[in-house]
Amino acid sequence: MKVRIALLTGNELRHKFFASFLSCYPNIDLKLVVHERNNKLTTNPLYLKSKKIKRHVDLRKKTEIFFF
């Protein structure tokens, strides 16, 4: 019996990979995938003020591109 799944996730590359990964399994029926955008991140006060947070987010994006 197939498991039916609806996935609500972000639109980052790692999230898209995960949805694709799930859809490859024969016992999983991925019925719906909704990718939400996160446009607010670059206007977030913490992102703008904190070098550590900006560096973390930017490095995470570069790492995603490298691995996925």
PDB file of N, CA and C in Angstrom:
ATOM      1  N   MET A   1       0.834  -1.188   0.000  1.00  0.00           N
ATOM      2  CA  MET A   1       0.000   0.000   0.000  1.00  0.00           C
ATOM      3  C   MET A   1       0.883   1.257   0.000  1.00  0.00           C
ATOM      4  N   LYS A   2       0.569   2.183  -0.876  1.00  0.00           N
ATOM      5  CA  LYS A   2       1.331   3.422  -0.966  1.00  0.00           C
ATOM      6  C   LYS A   2       0.892   4.404   0.112  1.00  0.00           C
ATOM      7  N   VAL A   3       1.867   5.136   0.633  1.00  0.00           N
ATOM      8  CA  VAL A   3       1.589   6.203   1.584  1.00  0.00           C
ATOM      9  C   VAL A   3       1.410   7.486   0.781  1.00  0.00           C
ATOM     10  N   ARG A   4       0.283   8.147   0.965  1.00  0.00           N
ATOM     11  CA  ARG A   4       0.024   9.411   0.263  1.00  0.00           C
ATOM     12  C   ARG A   4       0.526  10.559   1.120  1.00  0.00           C
ATOM     13  N   ILE A   5       1.301  11.460   0.494  1.00  0.00           N
ATOM     14  CA  ILE A   5       1.941  12.553   1.229  1.00  0.00           C
ATOM     15  C   ILE A   5       1.683  13.880   0.527  1.00  0.00           C
ATOM     16  N   ALA A   6       1.380  14.895   1.325  1.00  0.00           N
ATOM     17  CA  ALA A   6       1.374  16.287   0.876  1.00  0.00           C
ATOM     18  C   ALA A   6       2.506  16.961   1.636  1.00  0.00           C
ATOM     19  N   LEU A   7       3.373  17.654   0.930  1.00  0.00           N
ATOM     20  CA  LEU A   7       4.567  18.240   1.526  1.00  0.00           C
ATOM     21  C   LEU A   7       4.517  19.761   1.413  1.00  0.00           C
ATOM     22  N   LEU A   8       4.599  20.417   2.546  1.00  0.00           N
ATOM     23  CA  LEU A   8       4.672  21.881   2.600  1.00  0.00           C
ATOM     24  C   LEU A   8       6.067  22.224   3.080  1.00  0.00           C
ATOM     25  N   THR A   9       6.826  22.915   2.242  1.00  0.00           N
ATOM     26  CA  THR A   9       8.230  23.138   2.552  1.00  0.00           C
ATOM     27  C   THR A   9       8.701  24.455   1.957  1.00  0.00           C
ATOM     28  N   GLY A  10       9.942  24.775   2.191  1.00  0.00           N
ATOM     29  CA  GLY A  10      10.526  25.994   1.645  1.00  0.00           C
ATOM     30  C   GLY A  10      10.949  25.800   0.195  1.00  0.00           C
ATOM     31  N   ASN A  11      11.403  26.873  -0.427  1.00  0.00           N
ATOM     32  CA  ASN A  11      11.805  26.755  -1.827  1.00  0.00           C
ATOM     33  C   ASN A  11      13.317  26.682  -1.995  1.00  0.00           C
ATOM     34  N   GLU A  12      14.042  26.500  -0.883  1.00  0.00           N
ATOM     35  CA  GLU A  12      15.481  26.350  -0.983  1.00  0.00           C
ATOM     36  C   GLU A  12      15.798  25.043  -1.701  1.00  0.00           C
ATOM     37  N   LEU A  13      16.975  24.976  -2.269  1.00  0.00           N
ATOM     38  CA  LEU A  13      17.373  23.834  -3.075  1.00  0.00           C
ATOM     39  C   LEU A  13      17.293  22.522  -2.297  1.00  0.00           C
ATOM     40  N   ARG A  14      17.674  22.521  -1.022  1.00  0.00           N
ATOM     41  CA  ARG A  14      17.645  21.286  -0.224  1.00  0.00           C
ATOM     42  C   ARG A  14      16.215  20.779  -0.038  1.00  0.00           C
ATOM     43  N   HIS A  15      15.254  21.685   0.024  1.00  0.00           N
ATOM     44  CA  HIS A  15      13.854  21.289   0.171  1.00  0.00           C
ATOM     45  C   HIS A  15      13.320  20.677  -1.131  1.00  0.00           C
ATOM     46  N   LYS A  16      13.715  21.264  -2.246  1.00  0.00           N
ATOM     47  CA  LYS A  16      13.303  20.722  -3.541  1.00  0.00           C
ATOM     48  C   LYS A  16      13.924  19.340  -3.760  1.00  0.00           C
ATOM     49  N   PHE A  17      15.174  19.184  -3.340  1.00  0.00           N
ATOM     50  CA  PHE A  17      15.822  17.879  -3.434  1.00  0.00           C
ATOM     51  C   PHE A  17      15.067  16.846  -2.607  1.00  0.00           C
ATOM     52  N   PHE A  18      14.680  17.210  -1.401  1.00  0.00           N
ATOM     53  CA  PHE A  18      13.969  16.276  -0.524  1.00  0.00           C
ATOM     54  C   PHE A  18      12.648  15.823  -1.151  1.00  0.00           C
ATOM     55  N   ALA A  19      11.918  16.737  -1.760  1.00  0.00           N
ATOM     56  CA  ALA A  19      10.661  16.380  -2.421  1.00  0.00           C
ATOM     57  C   ALA A  19      10.927  15.409  -3.569  1.00  0.00           C
ATOM     58  N   SER A  20      11.948  15.670  -4.344  1.00  0.00           N
ATOM     59  CA  SER A  20      12.313  14.783  -5.446  1.00  0.00           C
ATOM     60  C   SER A  20      12.748  13.417  -4.918  1.00  0.00           C
ATOM     61  N   PHE A  21      13.510  13.428  -3.842  1.00  0.00           N
ATOM     62  CA  PHE A  21      13.973  12.196  -3.206  1.00  0.00           C
ATOM     63  C   PHE A  21      12.796  11.337  -2.741  1.00  0.00           C
ATOM     64  N   LEU A  22      11.818  11.979  -2.101  1.00  0.00           N
ATOM     65  CA  LEU A  22      10.638  11.238  -1.637  1.00  0.00           C
ATOM     66  C   LEU A  22       9.849  10.639  -2.804  1.00  0.00           C
ATOM     67  N   SER A  23       9.740  11.379  -3.883  1.00  0.00           N
ATOM     68  CA  SER A  23       8.930  10.915  -5.012  1.00  0.00           C
ATOM     69  C   SER A  23       9.534   9.698  -5.709  1.00  0.00           C
ATOM     70  N   CYS A  24      10.796   9.418  -5.464  1.00  0.00           N
ATOM     71  CA  CYS A  24      11.463   8.270  -6.095  1.00  0.00           C
ATOM     72  C   CYS A  24      11.128   6.940  -5.423  1.00  0.00           C
ATOM     73  N   TYR A  25      10.605   6.981  -4.229  1.00  0.00           N
ATOM     74  CA  TYR A  25      10.291   5.749  -3.516  1.00  0.00           C
ATOM     75  C   TYR A  25       8.999   5.138  -4.061  1.00  0.00           C
ATOM     76  N   PRO A  26       9.013   3.838  -4.355  1.00  0.00           N
ATOM     77  CA  PRO A  26       7.829   3.207  -4.941  1.00  0.00           C
ATOM     78  C   PRO A  26       6.627   3.134  -3.993  1.00  0.00           C
ATOM     79  N   ASN A  27       6.859   3.151  -2.693  1.00  0.00           N
ATOM     80  CA  ASN A  27       5.738   3.051  -1.747  1.00  0.00           C
ATOM     81  C   ASN A  27       5.251   4.416  -1.266  1.00  0.00           C
ATOM     82  N   ILE A  28       5.727   5.500  -1.900  1.00  0.00           N
ATOM     83  CA  ILE A  28       5.300   6.853  -1.533  1.00  0.00           C
ATOM     84  C   ILE A  28       4.624   7.498  -2.736  1.00  0.00           C
ATOM     85  N   ASP A  29       3.432   8.001  -2.509  1.00  0.00           N
ATOM     86  CA  ASP A  29       2.688   8.723  -3.542  1.00  0.00           C
ATOM     87  C   ASP A  29       2.640  10.192  -3.124  1.00  0.00           C
ATOM     88  N   LEU A  30       3.532  10.982  -3.694  1.00  0.00           N
ATOM     89  CA  LEU A  30       3.625  12.396  -3.353  1.00  0.00           C
ATOM     90  C   LEU A  30       2.522  13.137  -4.112  1.00  0.00           C
ATOM     91  N   LYS A  31       1.448  13.436  -3.414  1.00  0.00           N
ATOM     92  CA  LYS A  31       0.262  14.028  -4.038  1.00  0.00           C
ATOM     93  C   LYS A  31       0.399  15.525  -4.305  1.00  0.00           C
ATOM     94  N   LEU A  32       1.049  16.218  -3.387  1.00  0.00           N
ATOM     95  CA  LEU A  32       1.115  17.674  -3.480  1.00  0.00           C
ATOM     96  C   LEU A  32       2.400  18.165  -2.841  1.00  0.00           C
ATOM     97  N   VAL A  33       3.074  19.092  -3.505  1.00  0.00           N
ATOM     98  CA  VAL A  33       4.251  19.747  -2.941  1.00  0.00           C
ATOM     99  C   VAL A  33       4.039  21.243  -3.081  1.00  0.00           C
ATOM    100  N   VAL A  34       4.120  21.953  -1.973  1.00  0.00           N
ATOM    101  CA  VAL A  34       3.992  23.408  -1.970  1.00  0.00           C
ATOM    102  C   VAL A  34       5.299  23.977  -1.445  1.00  0.00           C
ATOM    103  N   HIS A  35       5.947  24.780  -2.270  1.00  0.00           N
ATOM    104  CA  HIS A  35       7.194  25.433  -1.877  1.00  0.00           C
ATOM    105  C   HIS A  35       6.893  26.894  -1.537  1.00  0.00           C
ATOM    106  N   GLU A  36       7.134  27.265  -0.297  1.00  0.00           N
ATOM    107  CA  GLU A  36       6.922  28.656   0.115  1.00  0.00           C
ATOM    108  C   GLU A  36       8.208  29.450  -0.073  1.00  0.00           C
ATOM    109  N   ARG A  37       8.069  30.668  -0.509  1.00  0.00           N
ATOM    110  CA  ARG A  37       9.231  31.538  -0.668  1.00  0.00           C
ATOM    111  C   ARG A  37       9.527  32.261   0.637  1.00  0.00           C
ATOM    112  N   ASN A  38      10.781  32.601   0.800  1.00  0.00           N
ATOM    113  CA  ASN A  38      11.203  33.350   1.977  1.00  0.00           C
ATOM    114  C   ASN A  38      11.862  34.645   1.521  1.00  0.00           C
ATOM    115  N   ASN A  39      11.051  35.549   1.018  1.00  0.00           N
ATOM    116  CA  ASN A  39      11.577  36.828   0.536  1.00  0.00           C
ATOM    117  C   ASN A  39      11.969  37.760   1.670  1.00  0.00           C
ATOM    118  N   LYS A  40      11.455  37.521   2.854  1.00  0.00           N
ATOM    119  CA  LYS A  40      11.675  38.431   3.971  1.00  0.00           C
ATOM    120  C   LYS A  40      13.074  38.314   4.575  1.00  0.00           C
ATOM    121  N   LEU A  41      13.788  37.248   4.256  1.00  0.00           N
ATOM    122  CA  LEU A  41      15.067  37.007   4.903  1.00  0.00           C
ATOM    123  C   LEU A  41      16.046  38.159   4.730  1.00  0.00           C
ATOM    124  N   THR A  42      16.206  38.650   3.524  1.00  0.00           N
ATOM    125  CA  THR A  42      17.210  39.693   3.284  1.00  0.00           C
ATOM    126  C   THR A  42      16.798  41.052   3.847  1.00  0.00           C
ATOM    127  N   THR A  43      15.552  41.194   4.261  1.00  0.00           N
ATOM    128  CA  THR A  43      15.121  42.446   4.901  1.00  0.00           C
ATOM    129  C   THR A  43      14.978  42.281   6.414  1.00  0.00           C
ATOM    130  N   ASN A  44      15.239  41.079   6.916  1.00  0.00           N
ATOM    131  CA  ASN A  44      15.160  40.812   8.341  1.00  0.00           C
ATOM    132  C   ASN A  44      16.239  41.606   9.074  1.00  0.00           C
ATOM    133  N   PRO A  45      15.889  42.306  10.161  1.00  0.00           N
ATOM    134  CA  PRO A  45      16.874  43.104  10.899  1.00  0.00           C
ATOM    135  C   PRO A  45      18.079  42.298  11.390  1.00  0.00           C
ATOM    136  N   LEU A  46      17.857  41.058  11.800  1.00  0.00           N
ATOM    137  CA  LEU A  46      18.987  40.240  12.257  1.00  0.00           C
ATOM    138  C   LEU A  46      19.942  39.936  11.107  1.00  0.00           C
ATOM    139  N   TYR A  47      19.396  39.667   9.933  1.00  0.00           N
ATOM    140  CA  TYR A  47      20.221  39.391   8.754  1.00  0.00           C
ATOM    141  C   TYR A  47      21.033  40.632   8.385  1.00  0.00           C
ATOM    142  N   LEU A  48      20.421  41.775   8.487  1.00  0.00           N
ATOM    143  CA  LEU A  48      21.094  43.020   8.098  1.00  0.00           C
ATOM    144  C   LEU A  48      22.132  43.466   9.127  1.00  0.00           C
ATOM    145  N   LYS A  49      21.894  43.202  10.419  1.00  0.00           N
ATOM    146  CA  LYS A  49      22.779  43.697  11.473  1.00  0.00           C
ATOM    147  C   LYS A  49      23.874  42.713  11.859  1.00  0.00           C
ATOM    148  N   SER A  50      23.586  41.440  11.830  1.00  0.00           N
ATOM    149  CA  SER A  50      24.521  40.451  12.347  1.00  0.00           C
ATOM    150  C   SER A  50      25.359  39.837  11.227  1.00  0.00           C
ATOM    151  N   LYS A  51      26.671  40.031  11.316  1.00  0.00           N
ATOM    152  CA  LYS A  51      27.562  39.438  10.321  1.00  0.00           C
ATOM    153  C   LYS A  51      27.555  37.916  10.414  1.00  0.00           C
ATOM    154  N   LYS A  52      27.404  37.387  11.636  1.00  0.00           N
ATOM    155  CA  LYS A  52      27.389  35.930  11.813  1.00  0.00           C
ATOM    156  C   LYS A  52      26.183  35.299  11.129  1.00  0.00           C
ATOM    157  N   ILE A  53      25.025  35.906  11.311  1.00  0.00           N
ATOM    158  CA  ILE A  53      23.809  35.361  10.701  1.00  0.00           C
ATOM    159  C   ILE A  53      23.880  35.485   9.186  1.00  0.00           C
ATOM    160  N   LYS A  54      24.326  36.626   8.685  1.00  0.00           N
ATOM    161  CA  LYS A  54      24.457  36.818   7.235  1.00  0.00           C
ATOM    162  C   LYS A  54      25.442  35.804   6.663  1.00  0.00           C
ATOM    163  N   ARG A  55      26.569  35.624   7.331  1.00  0.00           N
ATOM    164  CA  ARG A  55      27.571  34.667   6.863  1.00  0.00           C
ATOM    165  C   ARG A  55      26.995  33.240   6.864  1.00  0.00           C
ATOM    166  N   HIS A  56      26.258  32.897   7.915  1.00  0.00           N
ATOM    167  CA  HIS A  56      25.647  31.570   8.009  1.00  0.00           C
ATOM    168  C   HIS A  56      24.674  31.322   6.855  1.00  0.00           C
ATOM    169  N   VAL A  57      23.789  32.267   6.616  1.00  0.00           N
ATOM    170  CA  VAL A  57      22.779  32.118   5.565  1.00  0.00           C
ATOM    171  C   VAL A  57      23.444  32.057   4.192  1.00  0.00           C
ATOM    172  N   ASP A  58      24.414  32.915   3.959  1.00  0.00           N
ATOM    173  CA  ASP A  58      25.100  32.934   2.664  1.00  0.00           C
ATOM    174  C   ASP A  58      25.892  31.645   2.435  1.00  0.00           C
ATOM    175  N   LEU A  59      26.554  31.159   3.472  1.00  0.00           N
ATOM    176  CA  LEU A  59      27.310  29.910   3.361  1.00  0.00           C
ATOM    177  C   LEU A  59      26.377  28.716   3.146  1.00  0.00           C
ATOM    178  N   ARG A  60      25.227  28.727   3.820  1.00  0.00           N
ATOM    179  CA  ARG A  60      24.246  27.652   3.639  1.00  0.00           C
ATOM    180  C   ARG A  60      23.795  27.586   2.184  1.00  0.00           C
ATOM    181  N   LYS A  61      23.561  28.741   1.582  1.00  0.00           N
ATOM    182  CA  LYS A  61      23.127  28.776   0.181  1.00  0.00           C
ATOM    183  C   LYS A  61      24.228  28.244  -0.744  1.00  0.00           C
ATOM    184  N   LYS A  62      25.469  28.646  -0.505  1.00  0.00           N
ATOM    185  CA  LYS A  62      26.580  28.161  -1.326  1.00  0.00           C
ATOM    186  C   LYS A  62      26.761  26.653  -1.168  1.00  0.00           C
ATOM    187  N   THR A  63      26.600  26.160   0.047  1.00  0.00           N
ATOM    188  CA  THR A  63      26.741  24.729   0.312  1.00  0.00           C
ATOM    189  C   THR A  63      25.653  23.940  -0.402  1.00  0.00           C
ATOM    190  N   GLU A  64      24.438  24.451  -0.397  1.00  0.00           N
ATOM    191  CA  GLU A  64      23.338  23.791  -1.107  1.00  0.00           C
ATOM    192  C   GLU A  64      23.635  23.671  -2.582  1.00  0.00           C
ATOM    193  N   ILE A  65      24.128  24.715  -3.168  1.00  0.00           N
ATOM    194  CA  ILE A  65      24.437  24.702  -4.594  1.00  0.00           C
ATOM    195  C   ILE A  65      25.531  23.678  -4.888  1.00  0.00           C
ATOM    196  N   PHE A  66      26.508  23.581  -4.001  1.00  0.00           N
ATOM    197  CA  PHE A  66      27.596  22.627  -4.180  1.00  0.00           C
ATOM    198  C   PHE A  66      27.110  21.181  -4.074  1.00  0.00           C
ATOM    199  N   PHE A  67      26.277  20.880  -3.086  1.00  0.00           N
ATOM    200  CA  PHE A  67      25.862  19.505  -2.827  1.00  0.00           C
ATOM    201  C   PHE A  67      24.634  19.049  -3.614  1.00  0.00           C
ATOM    202  N   PHE A  68      23.757  19.968  -3.964  1.00  0.00           N
ATOM    203  CA  PHE A  68      22.518  19.560  -4.629  1.00  0.00           C
ATOM    204  C   PHE A  68      22.472  20.096  -6.039  1.00  0.00           C
TER     205      PHE A  68
END
